[in-house]
Amino acid sequence: RLVFKMKYPEILILEYAADRPGDLKYLLNIARPKIGVITAVGDIPAHVEFYSGPESVIREKARLVEQLSALGFAVLNIDDKAVAGLKEYTRAHLMTFGFDRSADVRISNFEIQFDSKPFGISFKIEYKGSFVPIRINGVLGRSQAYSIAAAASVGLIFGLNLVKIAEAFADFKSLPGRMNLIDGIKGSYVIDDSYNASPLSMHAALETLKEIKATRKIAVLGDMLEIGKYSIEAHETIGDLAAGIADILITVGPRAKFIAESAKVAGLSEEKIFIFDKVELAGKKLQDLIKKGDLMLIKASRAMQLDKIVEELKAF
């Protein structure tokens, strides 16, 4: 997958996910970036099914920073150990971002914003002793802060100051299905993270659900695809985590059954766990269960089509 984005005539932005081995090498023969941004890998990387293991995924991503010239910039997430380690593969200037105190572009004071309900996030972006506040409505999760910090890093490389960067995010809106906060039916609230899922992003989404106060928390979790031999382990790990966060767990898909079984073993009552093969049946059950004040997380790989449930839950 390769996405071309144009903001200014002199800047071409290429967004690429390392879906298959060798793809990045081919693309780098076509376009040689001056700035390479690597956001995350995780212990069980996305698309690892198509590689011999996590190390091969890391090696594929390393190609991006390897080909940068000494005049280029490698922008790396310092909180992800695998990504931070890629500094050894490049001769380019380094620019790191993340929550760690050693980050060049540091995220701090992260908070979920509430009034009568959650409505967004706020945090600070710090760089060389200066900082600016960032406030984003309609989205949740630290993943949003990471994205903004990565973008801010690139802006700083191009000579923008923090104030200009903060102003650029004043009207920021996340793309559909990426930790969007939506008003749901019956006075409920929905965290729509249905666009895609990997073990790393699933963990992050559940941690966000954990941080938010709500009458009840309902996790609707579907299969995580393209992780091959790591599938059972990854789904069981998510089930163990969900058991300590969700009041009700609904799973969709054959792999997600391992989430349900693991959650049961971890102590979530069997009466609070609902297992479905089809998204339509899961959606109907959820609509029956919903009560005022409920907060629901909807997340799975895109092929599971949990966005259908999100559409059914929207309060119009």
Protein backbone atom coordinates (compact mmCIF):
# COMPACT_ATOMS: atom_id res chain seq x y z
CA ARG A 1 0.00 0.00 0.00
CA LEU A 2 1.42 3.36 -1.01
CA VAL A 3 -0.39 6.65 -0.46
CA PHE A 4 0.73 9.89 -2.15
CA LYS A 5 -0.16 13.11 -0.35
CA MET A 6 0.50 16.63 -1.57
CA LYS A 7 0.33 19.65 0.73
CA TYR A 8 2.78 21.98 -0.96
CA PRO A 9 4.00 21.75 -4.56
CA GLU A 10 7.61 21.17 -3.49
CA ILE A 11 6.79 18.42 -0.96
CA LEU A 12 5.77 14.87 -1.82
CA ILE A 13 4.71 12.68 1.09
CA LEU A 14 4.71 8.90 0.70
CA GLU A 15 2.90 6.80 3.29
CA TYR A 16 3.76 3.11 3.23
CA ALA A 17 2.93 0.11 5.40
CA ALA A 18 5.43 -2.74 5.15
CA ASP A 19 2.89 -5.27 3.91
CA ARG A 20 5.21 -7.57 1.94
CA PRO A 21 8.99 -8.20 2.01
CA GLY A 22 10.86 -6.36 -0.71
CA ASP A 23 8.14 -3.83 -1.49
CA LEU A 24 9.95 -0.99 0.25
CA LYS A 25 13.21 -1.72 -1.54
CA TYR A 26 11.37 -1.47 -4.87
CA LEU A 27 9.68 1.80 -3.90
CA LEU A 28 12.91 3.35 -2.67
CA ASN A 29 14.39 2.77 -6.10
CA ILE A 30 11.62 4.99 -7.47
CA ALA A 31 11.58 7.73 -4.82
CA ARG A 32 14.39 8.52 -2.39
CA PRO A 33 13.03 10.47 0.59
CA LYS A 34 15.01 13.10 2.42
CA ILE A 35 13.03 12.42 5.60
CA GLY A 36 12.05 8.98 6.87
CA VAL A 37 9.46 8.60 9.65
CA ILE A 38 8.98 5.28 11.43
CA THR A 39 6.16 5.23 13.95
CA ALA A 40 5.84 1.76 15.49
CA VAL A 41 6.72 -1.93 15.27
CA GLY A 42 5.70 -3.63 18.52
CA ASP A 43 6.51 -7.12 19.78
CA ILE A 44 4.20 -8.75 17.22
CA PRO A 45 4.24 -6.38 14.22
CA ALA A 46 1.39 -5.84 11.81
CA HIS A 47 1.69 -7.98 8.63
CA VAL A 48 4.22 -10.32 10.33
CA GLU A 49 2.40 -13.24 8.66
CA PHE A 50 4.21 -12.40 5.42
CA TYR A 51 7.66 -12.39 7.05
CA SER A 52 9.79 -15.01 8.78
CA GLY A 53 9.35 -13.17 12.08
CA PRO A 54 9.40 -9.77 13.82
CA GLU A 55 13.09 -9.31 13.06
CA SER A 56 12.37 -9.50 9.34
CA VAL A 57 9.71 -6.79 9.65
CA ILE A 58 12.17 -4.57 11.50
CA ARG A 59 14.78 -5.21 8.83
CA GLU A 60 12.29 -4.20 6.12
CA LYS A 61 11.47 -0.95 7.88
CA ALA A 62 15.19 -0.30 8.36
CA ARG A 63 15.55 0.09 4.59
CA LEU A 64 13.83 3.46 4.85
CA VAL A 65 16.42 5.03 7.16
CA GLU A 66 19.31 3.10 5.62
CA GLN A 67 19.00 4.85 2.27
CA LEU A 68 18.80 8.37 3.74
CA SER A 69 21.79 10.56 2.96
CA ALA A 70 23.90 12.26 5.63
CA LEU A 71 21.89 15.41 4.89
CA GLY A 72 18.56 13.65 5.51
CA PHE A 73 16.60 13.07 8.70
CA ALA A 74 15.42 9.87 10.37
CA VAL A 75 12.40 10.57 12.58
CA LEU A 76 11.95 7.73 15.08
CA ASN A 77 9.53 6.86 17.88
CA ILE A 78 11.83 6.58 20.88
CA ASP A 79 9.19 4.79 22.98
CA ASP A 80 9.20 1.77 20.66
CA LYS A 81 12.44 -0.13 21.34
CA ALA A 82 12.52 -1.72 17.89
CA VAL A 83 12.05 1.65 16.19
CA ALA A 84 14.57 3.43 18.42
CA GLY A 85 17.11 0.74 17.58
CA LEU A 86 16.94 1.66 13.90
CA LYS A 87 19.20 4.63 14.62
CA GLU A 88 22.07 2.19 14.12
CA TYR A 89 21.06 1.75 10.47
CA THR A 90 21.29 5.35 9.35
CA ARG A 91 23.87 8.05 8.74
CA ALA A 92 21.15 10.73 8.61
CA HIS A 93 20.42 13.26 11.32
CA LEU A 94 18.18 11.85 14.06
CA MET A 95 14.97 13.39 15.36
CA THR A 96 13.16 11.35 18.02
CA PHE A 97 9.64 11.78 19.36
CA GLY A 98 7.60 10.20 22.16
CA PHE A 99 6.73 10.41 25.85
CA ASP A 100 10.21 9.48 27.05
CA ARG A 101 12.15 12.36 28.60
CA SER A 102 15.01 11.78 26.19
CA ALA A 103 12.85 12.47 23.11
CA ASP A 104 13.80 15.47 21.00
CA VAL A 105 10.11 16.20 20.48
CA ARG A 106 8.48 15.17 23.73
CA ILE A 107 4.81 14.58 24.52
CA SER A 108 3.88 15.52 28.10
CA ASN A 109 0.88 16.25 30.30
CA PHE A 110 -1.38 13.93 28.30
CA GLU A 111 -4.99 14.02 29.51
CA ILE A 112 -8.42 12.87 28.39
CA GLN A 113 -10.79 15.84 28.45
CA PHE A 114 -14.17 15.51 30.19
CA ASP A 115 -17.17 17.60 31.00
CA SER A 116 -20.30 15.49 31.43
CA LYS A 117 -18.67 13.02 29.04
CA PRO A 118 -15.27 12.46 27.42
CA PHE A 119 -14.80 14.78 24.45
CA GLY A 120 -11.14 14.80 23.44
CA ILE A 121 -7.49 14.90 24.48
CA SER A 122 -4.94 17.50 25.49
CA PHE A 123 -1.16 17.41 25.86
CA LYS A 124 1.97 19.46 25.35
CA ILE A 125 4.61 19.21 22.66
CA GLU A 126 8.06 20.16 23.97
CA TYR A 127 11.18 20.96 21.94
CA LYS A 128 14.46 22.45 23.12
CA GLY A 129 13.00 23.96 26.28
CA SER A 130 9.89 25.42 24.62
CA PHE A 131 6.41 23.91 24.56
CA VAL A 132 2.94 24.45 23.10
CA PRO A 133 -0.40 23.06 24.30
CA ILE A 134 -2.37 20.88 21.89
CA ARG A 135 -6.06 20.16 22.30
CA ILE A 136 -7.96 17.85 19.96
CA ASN A 137 -11.69 17.26 20.22
CA GLY A 138 -13.54 14.21 18.99
CA VAL A 139 -10.67 11.72 19.30
CA LEU A 140 -9.06 9.67 22.06
CA GLY A 141 -5.86 7.76 22.67
CA ARG A 142 -2.14 8.30 22.92
CA SER A 143 -1.87 7.17 19.32
CA GLN A 144 -3.19 10.58 18.28
CA ALA A 145 -0.46 12.29 20.30
CA TYR A 146 2.18 10.12 18.66
CA SER A 147 0.90 11.04 15.20
CA ILE A 148 0.96 14.74 16.01
CA ALA A 149 4.44 14.52 17.55
CA ALA A 150 5.74 12.76 14.43
CA ALA A 151 4.20 15.44 12.22
CA ALA A 152 5.57 18.18 14.48
CA SER A 153 9.04 16.66 14.13
CA VAL A 154 8.84 16.95 10.37
CA GLY A 155 7.54 20.52 10.67
CA LEU A 156 10.51 21.46 12.85
CA ILE A 157 12.89 19.96 10.30
CA PHE A 158 11.32 22.23 7.67
CA GLY A 159 11.85 25.27 9.89
CA LEU A 160 8.41 25.76 11.39
CA ASN A 161 8.22 26.93 14.99
CA LEU A 162 6.08 25.28 17.66
CA VAL A 163 3.43 28.00 17.56
CA LYS A 164 2.88 27.55 13.82
CA ILE A 165 2.77 23.80 14.30
CA ALA A 166 0.16 24.08 17.06
CA GLU A 167 -1.96 26.36 14.89
CA ALA A 168 -1.87 23.77 12.10
CA PHE A 169 -3.59 21.27 14.39
CA ALA A 170 -6.38 23.63 15.46
CA ASP A 171 -8.87 21.96 13.11
CA PHE A 172 -7.39 18.47 13.24
CA LYS A 173 -9.82 15.64 12.58
CA SER A 174 -8.87 12.00 12.67
CA LEU A 175 -9.76 9.78 9.75
CA PRO A 176 -12.83 7.51 10.19
CA GLY A 177 -12.30 4.43 12.30
CA ARG A 178 -9.23 5.69 14.14
CA MET A 179 -10.09 6.32 17.79
CA ASN A 180 -12.94 8.66 16.97
CA LEU A 181 -15.38 9.49 19.77
CA ILE A 182 -19.00 9.29 18.66
CA ASP A 183 -22.33 9.88 20.41
CA GLY A 184 -24.19 6.58 20.43
CA ILE A 185 -27.81 5.49 20.73
CA LYS A 186 -29.56 5.41 24.12
CA GLY A 187 -27.18 8.02 25.54
CA SER A 188 -24.09 5.88 25.04
CA TYR A 189 -20.65 6.74 23.68
CA VAL A 190 -18.61 4.91 21.06
CA ILE A 191 -14.85 4.78 20.51
CA ASP A 192 -14.66 3.91 16.83
CA ASP A 193 -11.32 2.25 16.18
CA SER A 194 -12.73 -0.13 13.59
CA TYR A 195 -10.40 0.76 10.72
CA ASN A 196 -7.77 -1.86 11.54
CA ALA A 197 -6.08 -3.77 14.36
CA SER A 198 -2.70 -5.19 15.34
CA PRO A 199 -1.62 -6.46 18.77
CA LEU A 200 0.05 -3.11 19.49
CA SER A 201 -2.92 -0.96 18.49
CA MET A 202 -5.41 -3.28 20.21
CA HIS A 203 -3.45 -2.98 23.44
CA ALA A 204 -3.34 0.81 23.12
CA ALA A 205 -7.09 1.04 22.47
CA LEU A 206 -7.90 -1.06 25.54
CA GLU A 207 -5.60 1.07 27.68
CA THR A 208 -7.55 4.12 26.50
CA LEU A 209 -10.82 2.42 27.47
CA LYS A 210 -9.31 1.72 30.89
CA GLU A 211 -8.51 5.41 31.48
CA ILE A 212 -12.02 6.71 30.84
CA LYS A 213 -14.74 6.89 33.48
CA ALA A 214 -18.04 5.37 32.37
CA THR A 215 -21.13 3.67 33.77
CA ARG A 216 -20.14 0.47 31.98
CA LYS A 217 -17.38 -0.37 29.55
CA ILE A 218 -18.12 -2.66 26.63
CA ALA A 219 -15.34 -3.98 24.41
CA VAL A 220 -16.37 -5.26 20.97
CA LEU A 221 -13.26 -6.93 19.59
CA GLY A 222 -12.78 -8.84 16.37
CA ASP A 223 -10.05 -10.84 14.68
CA MET A 224 -6.58 -9.39 14.24
CA LEU A 225 -5.43 -10.61 10.83
CA GLU A 226 -2.07 -11.05 9.10
CA ILE A 227 -0.13 -12.09 12.21
CA GLY A 228 0.25 -15.75 11.21
CA LYS A 229 1.73 -18.15 13.75
CA TYR A 230 1.45 -15.52 16.47
CA SER A 231 -2.34 -15.34 16.18
CA ILE A 232 -3.37 -17.51 19.15
CA GLU A 233 -0.81 -15.97 21.49
CA ALA A 234 -1.72 -12.42 20.47
CA HIS A 235 -5.47 -12.91 20.85
CA GLU A 236 -5.06 -14.61 24.23
CA THR A 237 -2.93 -11.71 25.46
CA ILE A 238 -5.63 -9.25 24.45
CA GLY A 239 -8.27 -11.35 26.22
CA ASP A 240 -6.25 -11.32 29.42
CA LEU A 241 -5.98 -7.53 29.21
CA ALA A 242 -9.65 -7.01 28.35
CA ALA A 243 -10.77 -9.03 31.37
CA GLY A 244 -9.45 -6.36 33.71
CA ILE A 245 -10.95 -3.45 31.77
CA ALA A 246 -14.28 -4.36 30.16
CA ASP A 247 -17.52 -4.99 32.05
CA ILE A 248 -18.88 -6.74 28.95
CA LEU A 249 -16.90 -8.39 26.15
CA ILE A 250 -18.28 -9.16 22.69
CA THR A 251 -16.04 -10.96 20.21
CA VAL A 252 -16.48 -11.34 16.47
CA GLY A 253 -14.69 -13.94 14.34
CA PRO A 254 -12.95 -17.30 14.79
CA ARG A 255 -9.66 -15.88 16.06
CA ALA A 256 -11.38 -13.55 18.50
CA LYS A 257 -12.77 -16.61 20.29
CA PHE A 258 -9.32 -16.88 21.83
CA ILE A 259 -9.85 -13.38 23.25
CA ALA A 260 -13.10 -14.57 24.85
CA GLU A 261 -11.60 -17.77 26.25
CA SER A 262 -8.60 -15.96 27.69
CA ALA A 263 -10.81 -13.29 29.27
CA LYS A 264 -12.87 -16.02 30.92
CA VAL A 265 -9.73 -17.67 32.32
CA ALA A 266 -8.56 -14.26 33.56
CA GLY A 267 -11.72 -13.83 35.62
CA LEU A 268 -14.35 -12.12 33.46
CA SER A 269 -17.68 -13.81 34.14
CA GLU A 270 -18.94 -16.09 31.38
CA GLU A 271 -22.27 -14.26 31.61
CA LYS A 272 -20.50 -11.08 30.51
CA ILE A 273 -18.90 -12.64 27.43
CA PHE A 274 -20.69 -12.99 24.09
CA ILE A 275 -19.12 -14.77 21.13
CA PHE A 276 -20.23 -14.31 17.52
CA ASP A 277 -19.02 -15.40 14.09
CA LYS A 278 -21.01 -12.77 12.21
CA VAL A 279 -20.84 -9.01 12.67
CA GLU A 280 -24.59 -8.62 12.11
CA LEU A 281 -25.44 -10.85 15.08
CA ALA A 282 -22.92 -9.10 17.29
CA GLY A 283 -24.44 -5.74 16.38
CA LYS A 284 -27.96 -6.86 17.27
CA LYS A 285 -26.85 -8.21 20.64
CA LEU A 286 -24.98 -5.02 21.41
CA GLN A 287 -28.03 -2.89 20.68
CA ASP A 288 -30.04 -4.99 23.14
CA LEU A 289 -27.37 -4.61 25.83
CA ILE A 290 -26.71 -0.87 25.59
CA LYS A 291 -27.74 1.38 28.47
CA LYS A 292 -27.39 5.09 29.05
CA GLY A 293 -23.83 6.06 29.94
CA ASP A 294 -22.21 2.99 28.41
CA LEU A 295 -18.85 3.47 26.70
CA MET A 296 -18.07 1.05 23.85
CA LEU A 297 -14.80 0.30 22.11
CA ILE A 298 -15.19 -1.14 18.60
CA LYS A 299 -11.97 -2.61 17.16
CA ALA A 300 -10.81 -5.30 14.74
CA SER A 301 -8.95 -5.75 11.49
CA ARG A 302 -10.70 -4.01 8.65
CA ALA A 303 -11.80 -7.22 6.92
CA MET A 304 -14.02 -7.98 9.93
CA GLN A 305 -16.22 -4.99 8.97
CA LEU A 306 -16.94 -3.80 12.50
CA ASP A 307 -17.57 -0.37 10.99
CA LYS A 308 -21.06 -1.75 10.28
CA ILE A 309 -21.67 -1.90 14.02
CA VAL A 310 -20.43 1.66 14.42
CA GLU A 311 -22.94 2.90 11.83
CA GLU A 312 -25.77 1.13 13.68
CA LEU A 313 -24.75 2.72 16.99
CA LYS A 314 -24.52 6.33 15.84
CA ALA A 315 -27.04 8.73 17.38
CA PHE A 316 -28.39 10.81 14.48
